[in-house]
């Protein structure tokens, strides 16, 4: 009877220790999960900011302004346009 009591006491202690270990691991995993959720939220906010920045950089007005100021480009006018005419193809005899 004493052996059975000691065995059951040992099982009770092992069960209590495993319960404490599982709860500790659960808390650690919960904290890690919350930390990852927070990081994901930060990354999502950064992604949205980058999308807005990309849209701003791709605006036509900004591209036009940079072309005029940095590259010194000007708009095409008819007096500055050169038209090239391609000669008409000559038909060769004997070819269908």
Foldseek 3Di string as FASTA:
>chain_A
DVVVVVVVVVVVVVVVVVVVVVVVVVVVVVVVVVVVVVVVVVVVVVVVVVVVVVVVCPDPVNVVVCCCPVVVDDDDDPVPDDDDDDDDDDDDPPDD
